[in-house]
């Protein structure tokens, strides 16, 4: 993968890794629509009845080591990541979806190949009194 020399102020957003004055863009593995029932929220009804939460993930990593050897152990096993994320959703309740997103990001970053992660937590049944399509929180976390 070629490296691109860009001024640091030009590079913003998710994915690039600075190697001195050189920027290397990371590859992405995306999981969309992971669903599980959780009991997250600040209201008693949310804690008792629960609701469906949906999570989208973008794992940023260098897939070259896995691809060159066709080796699953050198990438992020998205089947395992999906199971871990749904277990977090179904696990210990938290008040805020921001906290849920952080727990998911922390788990994803435990995988050696994952350098950065973007997590979007959807709460489509949020207790809002006006018509709406969805409520989401998106966070971006890295090892640094």
Protein backbone atom coordinates (compact mmCIF):
# COMPACT_ATOMS: atom_id res chain seq x y z
CA UNK A 1 0.00 0.00 0.00
CA UNK A 2 1.52 3.33 -0.99
CA UNK A 3 2.20 5.96 1.63
CA UNK A 4 1.09 9.50 0.95
CA UNK A 5 3.03 12.49 2.25
CA UNK A 6 0.47 15.05 3.37
CA UNK A 7 0.73 17.99 5.74
CA UNK A 8 -0.66 17.01 9.13
CA UNK A 9 -3.30 19.77 9.05
CA UNK A 10 -4.74 18.33 5.81
CA UNK A 11 -5.50 14.93 7.31
CA UNK A 12 -8.57 14.72 9.49
CA UNK A 13 -11.22 12.12 10.22
CA UNK A 14 -10.99 8.39 10.65
CA UNK A 15 -8.47 5.96 9.35
CA UNK A 16 -5.10 7.54 8.67
CA UNK A 17 -2.11 6.67 10.79
CA UNK A 18 0.77 9.12 10.94
CA UNK A 19 4.20 7.56 10.55
CA UNK A 20 6.46 10.57 11.09
CA UNK A 21 5.64 12.91 8.23
CA UNK A 22 4.02 10.13 6.15
CA UNK A 23 0.35 9.14 6.34
CA UNK A 24 -0.73 5.52 5.78
CA UNK A 25 -4.42 4.88 5.24
CA UNK A 26 -5.81 1.85 7.03
CA UNK A 27 -8.09 -0.77 5.55
CA UNK A 28 -11.64 -1.21 6.85
CA UNK A 29 -13.77 -4.16 7.91
CA UNK A 30 -17.38 -3.07 8.37
CA UNK A 31 -20.19 -4.80 10.24
CA UNK A 32 -23.64 -3.24 9.93
CA UNK A 33 -26.86 -3.96 11.73
CA UNK A 34 -25.67 -6.09 14.65
CA UNK A 35 -28.80 -6.50 16.80
CA UNK A 36 -29.42 -7.57 20.36
CA UNK A 37 -31.88 -6.84 23.13
CA UNK A 38 -30.51 -4.75 25.96
CA UNK A 39 -31.78 -3.02 29.08
CA UNK A 40 -29.94 0.29 28.71
CA UNK A 41 -31.43 3.66 29.52
CA UNK A 42 -32.17 6.05 32.33
CA UNK A 43 -35.86 5.20 32.67
CA UNK A 44 -37.15 2.31 34.77
CA UNK A 45 -39.29 1.04 31.87
CA UNK A 46 -36.18 0.74 29.67
CA UNK A 47 -34.37 -1.21 32.36
CA UNK A 48 -37.28 -3.58 33.00
CA UNK A 49 -38.69 -4.14 29.51
CA UNK A 50 -35.53 -3.70 27.45
CA UNK A 51 -35.40 -2.87 23.76
CA UNK A 52 -33.50 -3.70 20.60
CA UNK A 53 -30.20 -1.90 20.00
CA UNK A 54 -28.45 -1.92 16.64
CA UNK A 55 -24.69 -1.43 16.21
CA UNK A 56 -22.61 -0.58 13.16
CA UNK A 57 -18.83 -1.03 13.33
CA UNK A 58 -15.91 0.01 11.19
CA UNK A 59 -12.69 -1.71 12.20
CA UNK A 60 -9.58 0.03 10.88
CA UNK A 61 -6.60 -2.27 10.35
CA UNK A 62 -3.89 -3.28 7.95
CA UNK A 63 -5.20 -6.36 6.13
CA UNK A 64 -1.99 -6.97 4.20
CA UNK A 65 -0.49 -9.48 6.69
CA UNK A 66 -3.67 -11.58 6.63
CA UNK A 67 -4.07 -11.35 2.87
CA UNK A 68 -0.46 -12.21 2.05
CA UNK A 69 -0.66 -15.46 3.98
CA UNK A 70 -4.41 -16.06 3.70
CA UNK A 71 -4.28 -16.21 7.51
CA UNK A 72 -7.36 -15.52 9.65
CA UNK A 73 -5.21 -15.12 12.77
CA UNK A 74 -3.61 -11.98 11.30
CA UNK A 75 -6.83 -10.00 10.92
CA UNK A 76 -9.94 -9.24 12.97
CA UNK A 77 -12.25 -12.26 13.00
CA UNK A 78 -15.53 -10.46 12.37
CA UNK A 79 -17.63 -13.44 13.51
CA UNK A 80 -16.01 -13.30 16.94
CA UNK A 81 -16.26 -9.49 17.04
CA UNK A 82 -19.99 -9.73 16.24
CA UNK A 83 -20.54 -12.21 19.08
CA UNK A 84 -18.61 -10.02 21.53
CA UNK A 85 -20.55 -6.90 20.57
CA UNK A 86 -23.96 -8.54 20.91
CA UNK A 87 -22.91 -9.94 24.28
CA UNK A 88 -22.06 -6.40 25.43
CA UNK A 89 -25.44 -5.12 24.22
CA UNK A 90 -27.24 -7.92 26.06
CA UNK A 91 -24.99 -7.60 29.11
CA UNK A 92 -24.74 -5.24 32.05
CA UNK A 93 -27.09 -2.27 31.63
CA UNK A 94 -25.82 1.30 31.42
CA UNK A 95 -27.69 4.59 31.45
CA UNK A 96 -26.21 6.09 28.29
CA UNK A 97 -25.68 4.75 24.79
CA UNK A 98 -22.46 6.76 24.86
CA UNK A 99 -21.24 4.38 27.58
CA UNK A 100 -22.42 1.38 25.58
CA UNK A 101 -20.53 2.63 22.53
CA UNK A 102 -17.35 3.09 24.60
CA UNK A 103 -17.58 -0.46 25.99
CA UNK A 104 -17.96 -1.82 22.48
CA UNK A 105 -15.00 0.24 21.21
CA UNK A 106 -12.84 -0.96 24.10
CA UNK A 107 -13.64 -4.59 23.26
CA UNK A 108 -12.90 -4.14 19.57
CA UNK A 109 -9.52 -2.58 20.35
CA UNK A 110 -8.54 -5.70 22.32
CA UNK A 111 -8.07 -7.44 18.96
CA UNK A 112 -4.40 -7.03 18.05
CA UNK A 113 -5.03 -6.21 14.38
CA UNK A 114 -7.54 -3.43 15.10
CA UNK A 115 -5.83 -0.03 15.28
CA UNK A 116 -8.97 2.14 15.32
CA UNK A 117 -12.71 1.59 15.50
CA UNK A 118 -15.82 3.58 14.73
CA UNK A 119 -18.92 2.50 16.65
CA UNK A 120 -22.46 3.67 15.96
CA UNK A 121 -25.13 2.63 18.46
CA UNK A 122 -28.71 2.96 17.25
CA UNK A 123 -31.59 3.21 19.70
CA UNK A 124 -34.62 3.11 17.38
CA UNK A 125 -37.13 2.73 20.24
CA UNK A 126 -35.78 5.57 22.37
CA UNK A 127 -38.39 7.11 24.70
CA UNK A 128 -39.04 10.25 22.67
CA UNK A 129 -42.53 11.78 22.55
CA UNK A 130 -42.37 13.04 18.93
CA UNK A 131 -42.11 11.04 15.69
CA UNK A 132 -38.52 10.07 14.80
CA UNK A 133 -36.65 7.45 12.80
CA UNK A 134 -33.65 6.70 14.98
CA UNK A 135 -31.30 7.98 17.66
CA UNK A 136 -27.60 7.25 17.22
CA UNK A 137 -24.31 7.95 18.90
CA UNK A 138 -21.13 7.50 16.88
CA UNK A 139 -17.67 7.43 18.42
CA UNK A 140 -14.22 6.93 16.95
CA UNK A 141 -11.48 5.44 19.12
CA UNK A 142 -7.91 4.35 18.55
CA UNK A 143 -5.06 2.88 20.52
CA UNK A 144 -3.36 6.23 21.14
